[in-house]
Amino acid sequence: MQYKQLGNSDLTVSEICLGTMTFGQQNSLEEACGQLDFAVDRGVNFIDAAEMYPVPARAETYGKTEEYIGRWLSGKPRDRFVIATKIAGPTRSMPWIRSADRQVDRPNIERAVEDSLKRLQTDYIDLYQIHWPDRYVPLFGGDKYDPKNERKTVSIQEQLMVFAELIEAGKIRYLGLSNETPWGVCQFCHLADRLGLPRIVSIQNAYHLLNREFEIALAETCHLEKVGLLAYSPLAFGFLTGKYQQETPPNSRIGLFPMFGGRYKKPYVQETLDAYLNIARKYDLIPAQMALAFVRSRWFVTSTIIGATNLEQLEENLSSLKVELSEEILKEINEIHAQHPNPTP
């Protein structure tokens, strides 16, 4: 396991981060603790959560992921771990989260942080992230910006001022973004500099073989602003493992929650996926490990967020650290990408 500095912070994070959105839905407390122990024993020091987890979000399970992490974390040396979580942004769904608007404003931020601290059983959160922007942007498969969808939003300046107070109070250490755009990253950075407020240190966006949109503009933006990428969904919701090629396993995430499979039915997805899986077969690689090794190899990725529903999956994913892709393999991957770039944004 290698460790990297996260953005311009003093946080040093493992190149693999344990994602936890299955905790409390597909994984029991005992299973969650088993995953955490297994990952930590293999060098993982970085754990990512969110107040809305587990996924799919339901009123009955709201906050359980953080609660499970808190139960595991209690009594352990807190400074050994980098704990990250997120505040949910505005949404018409999830009315059980805080208030009617769920905007990223002072009342919602302060309550969300206090609730997460309580569930996580900790005095501070190392990295606190805005799960998605308060303003309108195309999200989760949306690929076209339409100004007609703009809505009332909390100013970035106001958001930063509240987070600055929480950092000053020692409740959070650093601020990060998630599902953000180049414009958003620049605004957060430039306003922070101009007003003397805390800078963001990270962005958590999707990045995988079927979606390399981060490379187009965000890679430059984040490099110049010293913002580290935490790459989520590196296996494209499991499609890059190849397990959905013949049929959908009933206990898989798509089998249990078919509403998440929509973006993988878009044009050219299947033939592009087949092409990547053929590369793995050609070079005798486990498809999941090839996909994870590709993400980890990118110069702009600080940490790759992996998730699993059992220890066998987790062990296979962590074993991807032993895989280094040759220039020949990378050339073939890029040839496929050139034919069908980003079929699942």
Protein backbone atom coordinates (compact mmCIF):
# COMPACT_ATOMS: atom_id res chain seq x y z
CA MET A 1 0.00 0.00 0.00
CA GLN A 2 1.23 3.44 -0.89
CA TYR A 3 0.11 6.69 0.74
CA LYS A 4 -0.36 10.11 -0.82
CA GLN A 5 -0.90 13.65 0.38
CA LEU A 6 -4.50 14.70 -0.19
CA GLY A 7 -4.49 17.99 -2.11
CA ASN A 8 -2.69 20.69 -0.16
CA SER A 9 -3.78 19.27 3.21
CA ASP A 10 -1.64 17.49 5.76
CA LEU A 11 -3.76 14.34 5.37
CA THR A 12 -1.88 11.29 4.14
CA VAL A 13 -4.29 8.74 2.69
CA SER A 14 -3.93 5.20 1.40
CA GLU A 15 -4.14 4.79 -2.37
CA ILE A 16 -7.19 2.60 -1.74
CA CYS A 17 -10.11 4.01 0.24
CA LEU A 18 -12.82 1.77 1.67
CA GLY A 19 -16.26 2.87 0.50
CA THR A 20 -19.07 1.91 2.85
CA MET A 21 -22.41 2.56 1.12
CA THR A 22 -23.46 -1.09 1.56
CA PHE A 23 -23.19 -0.92 5.37
CA GLY A 24 -26.66 -1.09 6.90
CA GLN A 25 -28.41 -2.38 3.78
CA GLN A 26 -26.51 -5.26 2.20
CA ASN A 27 -24.05 -5.62 5.07
CA SER A 28 -24.81 -6.18 8.74
CA LEU A 29 -22.86 -4.55 11.57
CA GLU A 30 -20.78 -7.72 11.97
CA GLU A 31 -20.00 -7.84 8.25
CA ALA A 32 -19.17 -4.13 8.17
CA CYS A 33 -16.74 -4.50 11.05
CA GLY A 34 -15.19 -7.50 9.32
CA GLN A 35 -14.61 -5.47 6.16
CA LEU A 36 -13.12 -2.58 8.11
CA ASP A 37 -10.77 -4.87 10.02
CA PHE A 38 -9.72 -6.67 6.84
CA ALA A 39 -9.01 -3.44 4.97
CA VAL A 40 -7.11 -1.82 7.83
CA ASP A 41 -4.99 -4.95 8.30
CA ARG A 42 -3.91 -4.52 4.68
CA GLY A 43 -2.91 -0.90 5.05
CA VAL A 44 -6.10 1.03 4.30
CA ASN A 45 -6.32 4.12 6.53
CA PHE A 46 -8.99 5.99 4.56
CA ILE A 47 -12.72 5.34 5.09
CA ASP A 48 -15.46 7.14 3.16
CA ALA A 49 -19.11 7.47 4.16
CA ALA A 50 -22.07 9.84 3.77
CA GLU A 51 -24.98 10.85 5.94
CA MET A 52 -27.49 9.50 3.37
CA TYR A 53 -25.88 6.02 3.24
CA PRO A 54 -26.61 3.17 2.84
CA VAL A 55 -27.65 3.15 -0.82
CA PRO A 56 -30.39 2.93 -1.93
CA ALA A 57 -31.40 5.63 0.50
CA ARG A 58 -34.42 4.83 2.67
CA ALA A 59 -35.88 6.49 5.75
CA GLU A 60 -35.53 3.20 7.65
CA THR A 61 -31.79 2.94 7.07
CA TYR A 62 -30.79 6.62 7.04
CA GLY A 63 -27.49 7.12 8.90
CA LYS A 64 -26.82 3.44 9.53
CA THR A 65 -23.56 3.44 7.61
CA GLU A 66 -22.09 6.14 9.84
CA GLU A 67 -23.50 4.37 12.91
CA TYR A 68 -21.75 1.12 11.95
CA ILE A 69 -18.45 2.93 11.38
CA GLY A 70 -18.88 4.66 14.73
CA ARG A 71 -19.45 1.36 16.50
CA TRP A 72 -16.29 -0.02 14.91
CA LEU A 73 -14.25 3.15 15.53
CA SER A 74 -15.19 3.43 19.21
CA GLY A 75 -12.18 2.71 21.41
CA LYS A 76 -9.69 2.60 18.55
CA PRO A 77 -6.81 5.09 18.17
CA ARG A 78 -8.61 7.82 16.25
CA ASP A 79 -5.50 9.37 14.70
CA ARG A 80 -4.74 6.17 12.77
CA PHE A 81 -7.66 6.74 10.42
CA VAL A 82 -8.80 9.36 7.94
CA ILE A 83 -12.59 9.46 8.20
CA ALA A 84 -14.55 11.16 5.43
CA THR A 85 -18.26 11.75 5.16
CA LYS A 86 -20.67 13.98 3.24
CA ILE A 87 -23.61 16.32 3.58
CA ALA A 88 -26.50 15.62 1.22
CA GLY A 89 -27.44 18.49 -1.09
CA PRO A 90 -30.84 19.69 -2.28
CA THR A 91 -33.09 16.90 -3.55
CA ARG A 92 -36.78 16.29 -4.06
CA SER A 93 -36.32 12.81 -2.68
CA MET A 94 -35.14 11.81 0.79
CA PRO A 95 -37.53 14.07 2.74
CA TRP A 96 -36.41 12.36 5.93
CA ILE A 97 -33.08 14.21 5.83
CA ARG A 98 -33.24 17.29 8.06
CA SER A 99 -35.53 19.94 6.55
CA ALA A 100 -37.80 20.49 3.59
CA ASP A 101 -35.19 22.16 1.39
CA ARG A 102 -31.97 20.34 2.39
CA GLN A 103 -29.92 23.19 0.98
CA VAL A 104 -26.27 23.56 1.92
CA ASP A 105 -26.93 26.51 4.21
CA ARG A 106 -25.97 27.26 7.81
CA PRO A 107 -28.82 25.39 9.59
CA ASN A 108 -28.43 22.30 7.42
CA ILE A 109 -24.63 22.25 7.54
CA GLU A 110 -24.45 22.66 11.31
CA ARG A 111 -27.08 20.00 11.97
CA ALA A 112 -25.60 17.58 9.44
CA VAL A 113 -22.13 17.87 10.98
CA GLU A 114 -23.40 17.41 14.52
CA ASP A 115 -25.48 14.38 13.54
CA SER A 116 -22.56 12.78 11.69
CA LEU A 117 -20.20 13.36 14.62
CA LYS A 118 -22.68 11.67 16.93
CA ARG A 119 -23.22 8.68 14.64
CA LEU A 120 -19.49 8.29 13.95
CA GLN A 121 -18.71 8.57 17.68
CA THR A 122 -15.87 10.97 17.04
CA ASP A 123 -14.96 14.54 17.98
CA TYR A 124 -13.90 15.51 14.46
CA ILE A 125 -14.27 14.55 10.81
CA ASP A 126 -11.07 14.57 8.78
CA LEU A 127 -12.67 15.30 5.41
CA TYR A 128 -16.18 16.72 5.11
CA GLN A 129 -17.58 16.74 1.59
CA ILE A 130 -20.54 18.35 -0.16
CA HIS A 131 -22.14 15.27 -1.72
CA TRP A 132 -23.44 17.19 -4.73
CA PRO A 133 -23.61 20.91 -5.47
CA ASP A 134 -26.26 23.10 -3.91
CA ARG A 135 -26.80 24.69 -7.33
CA TYR A 136 -28.20 22.90 -10.38
CA VAL A 137 -25.77 20.76 -12.36
CA PRO A 138 -26.45 17.61 -14.44
CA LEU A 139 -25.91 14.66 -12.09
CA PHE A 140 -25.74 10.87 -12.03
CA GLY A 141 -25.94 10.16 -15.74
CA GLY A 142 -27.05 13.59 -16.89
CA ASP A 143 -24.72 14.84 -19.62
CA LYS A 144 -26.15 18.17 -20.82
CA TYR A 145 -26.34 21.46 -18.94
CA ASP A 146 -29.59 23.38 -19.43
CA PRO A 147 -29.88 26.86 -17.88
CA LYS A 148 -33.65 26.42 -17.75
CA ASN A 149 -33.06 24.09 -14.79
CA GLU A 150 -31.25 26.67 -12.68
CA ARG A 151 -32.74 27.15 -9.22
CA LYS A 152 -32.29 29.25 -6.14
CA THR A 153 -28.99 28.37 -4.51
CA VAL A 154 -26.92 29.13 -1.44
CA SER A 155 -23.88 31.14 -2.46
CA ILE A 156 -20.52 29.39 -2.36
CA GLN A 157 -19.24 32.25 -0.19
CA GLU A 158 -21.91 31.53 2.43
CA GLN A 159 -21.12 27.82 2.37
CA LEU A 160 -17.41 28.47 2.83
CA MET A 161 -18.00 30.85 5.72
CA VAL A 162 -19.97 28.23 7.65
CA PHE A 163 -17.40 25.52 6.97
CA ALA A 164 -14.64 27.92 8.08
CA GLU A 165 -16.31 28.26 11.48
CA LEU A 166 -16.61 24.49 11.83
CA ILE A 167 -12.94 24.06 10.95
CA GLU A 168 -12.01 26.75 13.46
CA ALA A 169 -14.10 24.91 16.07
CA GLY A 170 -12.20 21.67 15.35
CA LYS A 171 -15.30 19.73 14.22
CA ILE A 172 -14.00 19.16 10.71
CA ARG A 173 -10.43 19.39 9.46
CA TYR A 174 -10.75 19.81 5.70
CA LEU A 175 -13.41 20.42 3.09
CA GLY A 176 -14.00 18.49 -0.11
CA LEU A 177 -16.44 18.45 -3.01
CA SER A 178 -18.21 15.62 -4.80
CA ASN A 179 -19.91 15.34 -8.18
CA GLU A 180 -18.56 18.79 -9.03
CA THR A 181 -17.71 20.61 -12.24
CA PRO A 182 -14.61 22.60 -13.29
CA TRP A 183 -16.51 25.86 -12.74
CA GLY A 184 -17.49 24.79 -9.22
CA VAL A 185 -13.95 23.78 -8.27
CA CYS A 186 -12.60 27.12 -9.51
CA GLN A 187 -15.23 29.12 -7.67
CA PHE A 188 -14.62 27.35 -4.37
CA CYS A 189 -10.86 27.82 -4.71
CA HIS A 190 -10.84 31.41 -5.89
CA LEU A 191 -13.42 32.63 -3.36
CA ALA A 192 -11.49 30.92 -0.57
CA ASP A 193 -8.30 32.67 -1.65
CA ARG A 194 -9.94 36.05 -2.07
CA LEU A 195 -11.82 35.93 1.26
CA GLY A 196 -9.21 34.12 3.35
CA LEU A 197 -11.44 31.08 3.84
CA PRO A 198 -10.48 27.37 3.84
CA ARG A 199 -9.65 25.87 0.47
CA ILE A 200 -11.11 22.60 -0.73
CA VAL A 201 -8.56 19.77 -0.82
CA SER A 202 -10.40 17.06 -2.75
CA ILE A 203 -13.10 16.17 -5.24
CA GLN A 204 -14.93 12.84 -5.26
CA ASN A 205 -16.22 12.13 -8.76
CA ALA A 206 -16.95 9.00 -10.78
CA TYR A 207 -14.01 7.75 -12.84
CA HIS A 208 -13.65 4.39 -14.56
CA LEU A 209 -12.98 2.79 -17.94
CA LEU A 210 -16.51 3.59 -19.17
CA ASN A 211 -16.44 7.16 -17.87
CA ARG A 212 -13.19 9.10 -18.19
CA GLU A 213 -14.82 12.53 -18.41
CA PHE A 214 -12.64 13.77 -15.54
CA GLU A 215 -9.72 13.83 -17.99
CA ILE A 216 -11.35 16.44 -20.24
CA ALA A 217 -11.31 19.54 -18.02
CA LEU A 218 -11.34 18.55 -14.36
CA ALA A 219 -7.86 16.99 -14.50
CA GLU A 220 -6.33 20.33 -15.52
CA THR A 221 -8.47 22.28 -13.06
CA CYS A 222 -7.66 20.06 -10.10
CA HIS A 223 -3.96 19.86 -10.96
CA LEU A 224 -3.59 23.63 -11.08
CA GLU A 225 -5.72 24.15 -7.95
CA LYS A 226 -3.99 21.31 -6.05
CA VAL A 227 -7.21 19.35 -5.51
CA GLY A 228 -6.94 15.55 -5.24
CA LEU A 229 -9.34 13.18 -7.00
CA LEU A 230 -11.03 10.47 -4.97
CA ALA A 231 -12.28 8.23 -7.76
CA TYR A 232 -15.59 6.57 -6.99
CA SER A 233 -17.37 3.77 -8.88
CA PRO A 234 -14.09 2.47 -10.38
CA LEU A 235 -15.86 -0.78 -11.36
CA ALA A 236 -18.86 0.99 -12.94
CA PHE A 237 -21.32 -0.44 -10.42
CA GLY A 238 -19.81 -3.88 -10.94
CA PHE A 239 -20.22 -3.99 -14.73
CA LEU A 240 -16.45 -3.94 -15.25
CA THR A 241 -16.13 -7.18 -13.27
CA GLY A 242 -17.95 -9.00 -16.07
CA LYS A 243 -20.50 -10.52 -13.72
CA TYR A 244 -23.44 -9.10 -15.66
CA GLN A 245 -22.36 -10.38 -19.07
CA GLN A 246 -24.50 -13.52 -19.17
CA GLU A 247 -27.22 -12.80 -16.64
CA THR A 248 -27.82 -10.63 -13.60
CA PRO A 249 -26.95 -12.47 -10.37
CA PRO A 250 -29.99 -12.18 -8.06
CA ASN A 251 -27.95 -11.05 -5.04
CA SER A 252 -25.90 -8.48 -6.95
CA ARG A 253 -26.59 -4.76 -6.56
CA ILE A 254 -28.26 -4.55 -9.97
CA GLY A 255 -30.20 -7.72 -9.20
CA LEU A 256 -31.44 -6.26 -5.94
CA PHE A 257 -31.76 -2.65 -7.12
CA PRO A 258 -32.34 -2.65 -10.90
CA MET A 259 -33.04 1.11 -10.95
CA PHE A 260 -29.26 1.69 -10.81
CA GLY A 261 -28.65 -0.08 -14.12
CA GLY A 262 -30.21 2.48 -16.45
CA ARG A 263 -27.07 4.30 -17.54
CA TYR A 264 -25.43 1.00 -18.49
CA LYS A 265 -28.12 0.38 -21.14
CA LYS A 266 -27.02 3.36 -23.22
CA PRO A 267 -25.73 2.92 -26.80
CA TYR A 268 -22.29 1.33 -27.23
CA VAL A 269 -21.97 0.39 -23.55
CA GLN A 270 -22.18 -3.35 -24.13
CA GLU A 271 -19.72 -3.53 -27.02
CA THR A 272 -17.28 -1.23 -25.19
CA LEU A 273 -17.57 -3.34 -22.06
CA ASP A 274 -16.99 -6.51 -24.09
CA ALA A 275 -13.86 -4.99 -25.58
CA TYR A 276 -12.38 -4.16 -22.17
CA LEU A 277 -13.21 -7.60 -20.83
CA ASN A 278 -11.52 -9.15 -23.86
CA ILE A 279 -8.31 -7.29 -22.96
CA ALA A 280 -8.44 -8.75 -19.45
CA ARG A 281 -8.92 -12.26 -20.88
CA LYS A 282 -6.13 -11.75 -23.43
CA TYR A 283 -3.61 -10.86 -20.72
CA ASP A 284 -4.97 -13.33 -18.14
CA LEU A 285 -6.09 -10.59 -15.78
CA ILE A 286 -9.07 -10.59 -13.45
CA PRO A 287 -11.34 -7.92 -15.01
CA ALA A 288 -11.99 -6.13 -11.70
CA GLN A 289 -8.29 -5.94 -10.96
CA MET A 290 -7.50 -4.58 -14.42
CA ALA A 291 -10.17 -1.88 -14.04
CA LEU A 292 -8.92 -0.89 -10.59
CA ALA A 293 -5.28 -0.94 -11.68
CA PHE A 294 -6.14 1.41 -14.55
CA VAL A 295 -7.77 3.96 -12.23
CA ARG A 296 -4.93 3.71 -9.72
CA SER A 297 -2.36 4.29 -12.49
CA ARG A 298 -3.72 7.71 -13.45
CA TRP A 299 -1.51 10.61 -12.34
CA PHE A 300 -4.47 12.68 -11.11
CA VAL A 301 -5.98 10.00 -8.82
CA THR A 302 -5.09 10.37 -5.16
CA SER A 303 -7.17 7.46 -3.89
CA THR A 304 -9.50 4.89 -5.47
CA ILE A 305 -12.69 4.16 -3.54
CA ILE A 306 -13.61 0.48 -3.53
CA GLY A 307 -16.71 -1.17 -2.09
CA ALA A 308 -17.67 -4.78 -1.54
CA THR A 309 -20.48 -6.84 -0.08
CA ASN A 310 -18.26 -9.71 1.13
CA LEU A 311 -14.66 -10.37 2.10
CA GLU A 312 -13.93 -12.35 -1.07
CA GLN A 313 -14.76 -9.31 -3.21
CA LEU A 314 -12.79 -7.05 -0.91
CA GLU A 315 -9.73 -9.29 -1.03
CA GLU A 316 -9.88 -9.44 -4.84
CA ASN A 317 -10.16 -5.64 -5.05
CA LEU A 318 -7.29 -5.04 -2.65
CA SER A 319 -5.16 -7.55 -4.57
CA SER A 320 -5.35 -5.19 -7.55
CA LEU A 321 -2.49 -3.35 -5.84
CA LYS A 322 -0.22 -6.11 -7.18
CA VAL A 323 -1.29 -5.42 -10.77
CA GLU A 324 0.68 -2.97 -12.90
CA LEU A 325 -0.59 -2.46 -16.44
CA SER A 326 2.00 -2.58 -19.19
CA GLU A 327 2.27 0.07 -21.88
CA GLU A 328 0.90 -2.49 -24.32
CA ILE A 329 -2.26 -3.01 -22.25
CA LEU A 330 -2.71 0.73 -21.73
CA LYS A 331 -2.36 1.27 -25.48
CA GLU A 332 -5.14 -1.23 -26.17
CA ILE A 333 -7.33 0.36 -23.50
CA ASN A 334 -6.83 3.79 -25.05
CA GLU A 335 -7.65 2.47 -28.52
CA ILE A 336 -11.03 1.28 -27.26
CA HIS A 337 -11.58 4.57 -25.47
CA ALA A 338 -10.87 6.45 -28.71
CA GLN A 339 -13.57 4.43 -30.50
CA HIS A 340 -16.26 4.83 -27.83
CA PRO A 341 -15.28 7.50 -25.28
CA ASN A 342 -17.31 7.74 -22.09
CA PRO A 343 -20.44 5.74 -22.96
CA THR A 344 -21.71 5.99 -19.36
CA PRO A 345 -21.16 9.57 -18.09
